[in-house]
Amino acid sequence: MQLWNIYRSRAIGFWLQVNGVKVIPNLRFGDRRTYRICCDGIEKHCIIAVGSHGNLKIVQDREIFLNGLDVVVKKLQPVAIVVYGAAPEKYFKKYIDAGIRIVQFDSSYATSHMEVV
């Protein structure tokens, strides 16, 4: 199922690009088994997107996310990473220090649960 979803993501991205839409590929990795395949079909030195929402609070989920992100950065050497969800400096500083631009957007959950003052 994970392979199928990666294939679908790349196929839709390709179709959009062929039809003139600029695409930022969104990389998802479920666990260690997906680390080696999650970059398939993505060019090196491009802009990529990842979602951190729901991946940083629980220790096990955080380890999977951060280890997977390390694999992705090493393999793709992106120029920028668009992060949907939190991008705490303690986790993303090493990428910034390596010259990778981090662009962070709050998740819709975070923005819908903000306190109104």
N, C-alpha and C. Protein backbone atom coordinates (compact mmCIF):
# COMPACT_ATOMS: atom_id res chain seq x y z
N MET A 1 0.82 -1.19 0.00
CA MET A 1 0.00 0.00 0.00
C MET A 1 0.87 1.26 0.00
N GLN A 2 1.97 1.22 0.75
CA GLN A 2 2.86 2.37 0.79
C GLN A 2 3.49 2.63 -0.59
N LEU A 3 3.91 1.57 -1.25
CA LEU A 3 4.45 1.71 -2.61
C LEU A 3 3.40 2.30 -3.56
N TRP A 4 2.19 1.80 -3.46
CA TRP A 4 1.11 2.27 -4.32
C TRP A 4 0.86 3.76 -4.10
N ASN A 5 0.87 4.21 -2.84
CA ASN A 5 0.61 5.61 -2.55
C ASN A 5 1.76 6.51 -3.03
N ILE A 6 2.99 6.03 -2.94
CA ILE A 6 4.12 6.79 -3.48
C ILE A 6 3.98 6.89 -5.00
N TYR A 7 3.65 5.79 -5.64
CA TYR A 7 3.44 5.80 -7.09
C TYR A 7 2.36 6.81 -7.48
N ARG A 8 1.23 6.78 -6.79
CA ARG A 8 0.13 7.70 -7.11
C ARG A 8 0.55 9.15 -6.94
N SER A 9 1.28 9.43 -5.87
CA SER A 9 1.76 10.79 -5.62
C SER A 9 2.65 11.27 -6.76
N ARG A 10 3.58 10.43 -7.18
CA ARG A 10 4.50 10.81 -8.26
C ARG A 10 3.77 10.94 -9.59
N ALA A 11 2.83 10.04 -9.85
CA ALA A 11 2.08 10.08 -11.11
C ALA A 11 1.25 11.36 -11.20
N ILE A 12 0.59 11.72 -10.13
CA ILE A 12 -0.22 12.95 -10.13
C ILE A 12 0.69 14.16 -10.26
N GLY A 13 1.81 14.17 -9.54
CA GLY A 13 2.77 15.27 -9.65
C GLY A 13 3.29 15.42 -11.07
N PHE A 14 3.62 14.30 -11.69
CA PHE A 14 4.10 14.32 -13.09
C PHE A 14 3.03 14.89 -14.01
N TRP A 15 1.81 14.42 -13.88
CA TRP A 15 0.71 14.88 -14.72
C TRP A 15 0.51 16.38 -14.55
N LEU A 16 0.54 16.88 -13.32
CA LEU A 16 0.39 18.31 -13.08
C LEU A 16 1.52 19.10 -13.75
N GLN A 17 2.77 18.61 -13.61
CA GLN A 17 3.90 19.30 -14.23
C GLN A 17 3.79 19.34 -15.74
N VAL A 18 3.39 18.24 -16.34
CA VAL A 18 3.22 18.17 -17.79
C VAL A 18 2.15 19.18 -18.24
N ASN A 19 1.21 19.47 -17.36
CA ASN A 19 0.13 20.39 -17.68
C ASN A 19 0.38 21.80 -17.15
N GLY A 20 1.66 22.12 -16.88
CA GLY A 20 2.04 23.49 -16.56
C GLY A 20 1.95 23.93 -15.12
N VAL A 21 1.66 23.01 -14.21
CA VAL A 21 1.56 23.36 -12.80
C VAL A 21 2.89 23.11 -12.11
N LYS A 22 3.38 24.12 -11.39
CA LYS A 22 4.62 23.92 -10.62
C LYS A 22 4.28 23.07 -9.40
N VAL A 23 5.10 22.06 -9.14
CA VAL A 23 4.82 21.09 -8.09
C VAL A 23 5.97 21.06 -7.09
N ILE A 24 5.62 21.09 -5.81
CA ILE A 24 6.58 20.82 -4.74
C ILE A 24 6.23 19.43 -4.22
N PRO A 25 7.11 18.45 -4.45
CA PRO A 25 6.77 17.08 -4.02
C PRO A 25 6.69 16.97 -2.50
N ASN A 26 5.65 16.30 -2.05
CA ASN A 26 5.44 16.06 -0.64
C ASN A 26 5.93 14.65 -0.33
N LEU A 27 6.91 14.56 0.56
CA LEU A 27 7.46 13.25 0.92
C LEU A 27 6.84 12.77 2.22
N ARG A 28 6.40 11.52 2.20
CA ARG A 28 5.83 10.88 3.39
C ARG A 28 6.59 9.58 3.61
N PHE A 29 6.86 9.28 4.85
CA PHE A 29 7.48 8.00 5.18
C PHE A 29 6.77 7.45 6.40
N GLY A 30 6.40 6.19 6.31
CA GLY A 30 5.62 5.57 7.38
C GLY A 30 6.49 5.00 8.48
N ASP A 31 7.56 4.34 8.11
CA ASP A 31 8.50 3.75 9.06
C ASP A 31 9.79 3.46 8.31
N ARG A 32 10.72 2.77 8.96
CA ARG A 32 12.04 2.52 8.36
C ARG A 32 11.94 1.85 6.99
N ARG A 33 10.92 1.02 6.79
CA ARG A 33 10.80 0.31 5.51
C ARG A 33 10.58 1.26 4.35
N THR A 34 10.02 2.44 4.61
CA THR A 34 9.72 3.37 3.52
C THR A 34 10.84 4.38 3.28
N TYR A 35 11.85 4.42 4.14
CA TYR A 35 12.93 5.40 3.98
C TYR A 35 13.62 5.26 2.62
N ARG A 36 13.85 4.03 2.18
CA ARG A 36 14.61 3.83 0.93
C ARG A 36 13.78 4.13 -0.31
N ILE A 37 12.46 4.12 -0.22
CA ILE A 37 11.62 4.33 -1.40
C ILE A 37 10.91 5.69 -1.43
N CYS A 38 10.91 6.41 -0.32
CA CYS A 38 10.12 7.64 -0.27
C CYS A 38 10.67 8.74 -1.17
N CYS A 39 11.91 8.63 -1.60
CA CYS A 39 12.52 9.64 -2.48
C CYS A 39 12.45 9.26 -3.95
N ASP A 40 11.95 8.08 -4.24
CA ASP A 40 11.89 7.63 -5.64
C ASP A 40 11.12 8.64 -6.49
N GLY A 41 11.71 8.99 -7.63
CA GLY A 41 11.06 9.90 -8.57
C GLY A 41 11.21 11.37 -8.25
N ILE A 42 11.99 11.71 -7.23
CA ILE A 42 12.20 13.11 -6.85
C ILE A 42 13.62 13.52 -7.23
N GLU A 43 13.76 14.68 -7.86
CA GLU A 43 15.06 15.17 -8.27
C GLU A 43 15.86 15.67 -7.07
N LYS A 44 17.18 15.57 -7.19
CA LYS A 44 18.07 16.16 -6.18
C LYS A 44 18.05 17.68 -6.32
N HIS A 45 18.39 18.35 -5.23
CA HIS A 45 18.59 19.80 -5.20
C HIS A 45 17.32 20.57 -5.55
N CYS A 46 16.17 20.06 -5.15
CA CYS A 46 14.91 20.76 -5.42
C CYS A 46 14.30 21.23 -4.10
N ILE A 47 13.11 21.75 -4.17
CA ILE A 47 12.33 22.09 -2.98
C ILE A 47 11.43 20.90 -2.70
N ILE A 48 11.36 20.49 -1.43
CA ILE A 48 10.48 19.39 -1.05
C ILE A 48 9.56 19.86 0.08
N ALA A 49 8.51 19.10 0.32
CA ALA A 49 7.59 19.39 1.41
C ALA A 49 7.47 18.15 2.29
N VAL A 50 7.34 18.39 3.59
CA VAL A 50 7.08 17.32 4.56
C VAL A 50 6.05 17.82 5.56
N GLY A 51 5.30 16.90 6.12
CA GLY A 51 4.33 17.25 7.15
C GLY A 51 4.80 16.75 8.50
N SER A 52 4.97 17.67 9.44
CA SER A 52 5.39 17.27 10.78
C SER A 52 4.20 17.12 11.72
N HIS A 53 3.03 17.57 11.27
CA HIS A 53 1.84 17.53 12.13
C HIS A 53 1.57 16.09 12.58
N GLY A 54 1.49 15.90 13.88
CA GLY A 54 1.23 14.59 14.44
C GLY A 54 2.44 13.69 14.52
N ASN A 55 3.61 14.20 14.17
CA ASN A 55 4.82 13.37 14.15
C ASN A 55 5.86 13.75 15.20
N LEU A 56 5.62 14.76 16.01
CA LEU A 56 6.66 15.22 16.91
C LEU A 56 6.35 15.03 18.40
N LYS A 57 5.11 14.82 18.76
CA LYS A 57 4.76 14.72 20.18
C LYS A 57 5.16 13.41 20.83
N ILE A 58 4.88 12.31 20.18
CA ILE A 58 5.18 10.98 20.74
C ILE A 58 6.60 10.59 20.33
N VAL A 59 7.38 10.14 21.29
CA VAL A 59 8.81 9.86 21.07
C VAL A 59 9.03 8.93 19.88
N GLN A 60 8.31 7.84 19.80
CA GLN A 60 8.51 6.88 18.71
C GLN A 60 8.20 7.51 17.35
N ASP A 61 7.10 8.26 17.26
CA ASP A 61 6.74 8.93 16.01
C ASP A 61 7.79 9.97 15.64
N ARG A 62 8.28 10.70 16.63
CA ARG A 62 9.29 11.72 16.39
C ARG A 62 10.57 11.10 15.85
N GLU A 63 11.00 9.97 16.42
CA GLU A 63 12.20 9.28 15.94
C GLU A 63 12.05 8.84 14.50
N ILE A 64 10.90 8.28 14.16
CA ILE A 64 10.64 7.85 12.79
C ILE A 64 10.69 9.04 11.85
N PHE A 65 10.02 10.13 12.23
CA PHE A 65 9.98 11.32 11.38
C PHE A 65 11.38 11.92 11.19
N LEU A 66 12.11 12.11 12.29
CA LEU A 66 13.42 12.76 12.21
C LEU A 66 14.44 11.88 11.49
N ASN A 67 14.41 10.57 11.74
CA ASN A 67 15.32 9.66 11.03
C ASN A 67 15.00 9.65 9.54
N GLY A 68 13.72 9.62 9.21
CA GLY A 68 13.31 9.65 7.81
C GLY A 68 13.71 10.95 7.13
N LEU A 69 13.57 12.06 7.85
CA LEU A 69 13.96 13.35 7.29
C LEU A 69 15.46 13.40 7.04
N ASP A 70 16.25 12.82 7.94
CA ASP A 70 17.70 12.75 7.73
C ASP A 70 18.02 11.98 6.45
N VAL A 71 17.34 10.86 6.24
CA VAL A 71 17.56 10.05 5.03
C VAL A 71 17.21 10.86 3.78
N VAL A 72 16.07 11.53 3.82
CA VAL A 72 15.61 12.32 2.69
C VAL A 72 16.60 13.44 2.37
N VAL A 73 17.04 14.16 3.40
CA VAL A 73 17.97 15.28 3.18
C VAL A 73 19.30 14.77 2.63
N LYS A 74 19.78 13.66 3.16
CA LYS A 74 21.05 13.11 2.68
C LYS A 74 20.92 12.67 1.22
N LYS A 75 19.81 12.05 0.89
CA LYS A 75 19.61 11.51 -0.46
C LYS A 75 19.31 12.60 -1.49
N LEU A 76 18.46 13.56 -1.15
CA LEU A 76 17.99 14.55 -2.12
C LEU A 76 18.73 15.87 -2.07
N GLN A 77 19.38 16.17 -0.97
CA GLN A 77 20.09 17.44 -0.79
C GLN A 77 19.21 18.61 -1.25
N PRO A 78 18.04 18.78 -0.62
CA PRO A 78 17.12 19.83 -1.07
C PRO A 78 17.66 21.22 -0.79
N VAL A 79 17.22 22.19 -1.58
CA VAL A 79 17.60 23.58 -1.35
C VAL A 79 16.67 24.22 -0.33
N ALA A 80 15.46 23.68 -0.21
CA ALA A 80 14.49 24.18 0.76
C ALA A 80 13.54 23.06 1.14
N ILE A 81 13.02 23.17 2.36
CA ILE A 81 12.02 22.22 2.85
C ILE A 81 10.83 23.03 3.34
N VAL A 82 9.66 22.77 2.76
CA VAL A 82 8.42 23.36 3.22
C VAL A 82 7.85 22.41 4.26
N VAL A 83 7.64 22.92 5.46
CA VAL A 83 7.15 22.09 6.56
C VAL A 83 5.72 22.48 6.89
N TYR A 84 4.82 21.52 6.79
CA TYR A 84 3.42 21.71 7.17
C TYR A 84 3.29 21.17 8.58
N GLY A 85 3.17 22.09 9.54
CA GLY A 85 3.16 21.73 10.96
C GLY A 85 4.34 22.41 11.63
N ALA A 86 4.60 22.01 12.85
CA ALA A 86 5.67 22.63 13.63
C ALA A 86 7.05 22.31 13.03
N ALA A 87 7.97 23.27 13.18
CA ALA A 87 9.36 23.08 12.74
C ALA A 87 10.27 23.62 13.84
N PRO A 88 10.27 22.94 15.01
CA PRO A 88 11.08 23.43 16.13
C PRO A 88 12.55 23.53 15.76
N GLU A 89 13.16 24.63 16.20
CA GLU A 89 14.57 24.87 15.87
C GLU A 89 15.45 23.71 16.32
N LYS A 90 15.14 23.10 17.46
CA LYS A 90 16.00 22.01 17.95
C LYS A 90 16.05 20.83 16.99
N TYR A 91 15.05 20.67 16.15
CA TYR A 91 15.04 19.58 15.18
C TYR A 91 15.49 20.02 13.78
N PHE A 92 15.30 21.29 13.44
CA PHE A 92 15.56 21.75 12.08
C PHE A 92 16.82 22.60 11.95
N LYS A 93 17.46 22.95 13.05
CA LYS A 93 18.64 23.82 13.02
C LYS A 93 19.76 23.22 12.18
N LYS A 94 19.98 21.93 12.27
CA LYS A 94 21.08 21.32 11.51
C LYS A 94 20.87 21.48 10.00
N TYR A 95 19.63 21.49 9.56
CA TYR A 95 19.35 21.68 8.14
C TYR A 95 19.58 23.14 7.75
N ILE A 96 19.16 24.05 8.61
CA ILE A 96 19.39 25.48 8.38
C ILE A 96 20.89 25.74 8.32
N ASP A 97 21.63 25.16 9.28
CA ASP A 97 23.09 25.33 9.31
C ASP A 97 23.75 24.76 8.06
N ALA A 98 23.12 23.78 7.43
CA ALA A 98 23.65 23.18 6.20
C ALA A 98 23.26 23.99 4.96
N GLY A 99 22.55 25.11 5.17
CA GLY A 99 22.19 25.98 4.05
C GLY A 99 20.84 25.68 3.43
N ILE A 100 20.05 24.84 4.08
CA ILE A 100 18.72 24.50 3.57
C ILE A 100 17.72 25.48 4.16
N ARG A 101 16.94 26.09 3.29
CA ARG A 101 15.92 27.04 3.75
C ARG A 101 14.72 26.24 4.28
N ILE A 102 14.24 26.61 5.46
CA ILE A 102 13.06 25.97 6.04
C ILE A 102 11.91 26.98 5.99
N VAL A 103 10.81 26.59 5.35
CA VAL A 103 9.62 27.43 5.25
C VAL A 103 8.51 26.68 5.98
N GLN A 104 8.03 27.24 7.07
CA GLN A 104 7.08 26.55 7.93
C GLN A 104 5.69 27.16 7.82
N PHE A 105 4.68 26.29 7.74
CA PHE A 105 3.28 26.69 7.76
C PHE A 105 2.58 25.92 8.86
N ASP A 106 1.79 26.61 9.68
CA ASP A 106 1.02 25.92 10.70
C ASP A 106 0.00 25.01 10.05
N SER A 107 -0.30 23.90 10.72
CA SER A 107 -1.34 23.01 10.22
C SER A 107 -2.70 23.67 10.43
N SER A 108 -3.69 23.23 9.70
CA SER A 108 -5.03 23.78 9.86
C SER A 108 -5.55 23.51 11.27
N TYR A 109 -5.14 22.41 11.87
CA TYR A 109 -5.55 22.10 13.25
C TYR A 109 -5.00 23.17 14.20
N ALA A 110 -3.73 23.50 14.05
CA ALA A 110 -3.11 24.49 14.93
C ALA A 110 -3.78 25.85 14.78
N THR A 111 -4.07 26.25 13.55
CA THR A 111 -4.67 27.57 13.35
C THR A 111 -6.12 27.61 13.77
N SER A 112 -6.82 26.49 13.70
CA SER A 112 -8.24 26.48 14.10
C SER A 112 -8.40 26.38 15.61
N HIS A 113 -7.33 26.04 16.32
CA HIS A 113 -7.40 25.92 17.78
C HIS A 113 -6.61 27.01 18.50
N MET A 114 -6.29 28.09 17.78
CA MET A 114 -5.60 29.20 18.40
C MET A 114 -6.56 29.99 19.27
N GLU A 115 -6.04 30.46 20.36
CA GLU A 115 -6.87 31.25 21.27
C GLU A 115 -7.06 32.65 20.69
N VAL A 116 -8.30 33.12 20.67
CA VAL A 116 -8.62 34.46 20.18
C VAL A 116 -8.57 35.39 21.37
N VAL A 117 -7.79 36.46 21.24
CA VAL A 117 -7.63 37.42 22.35
C VAL A 117 -8.38 38.68 22.02
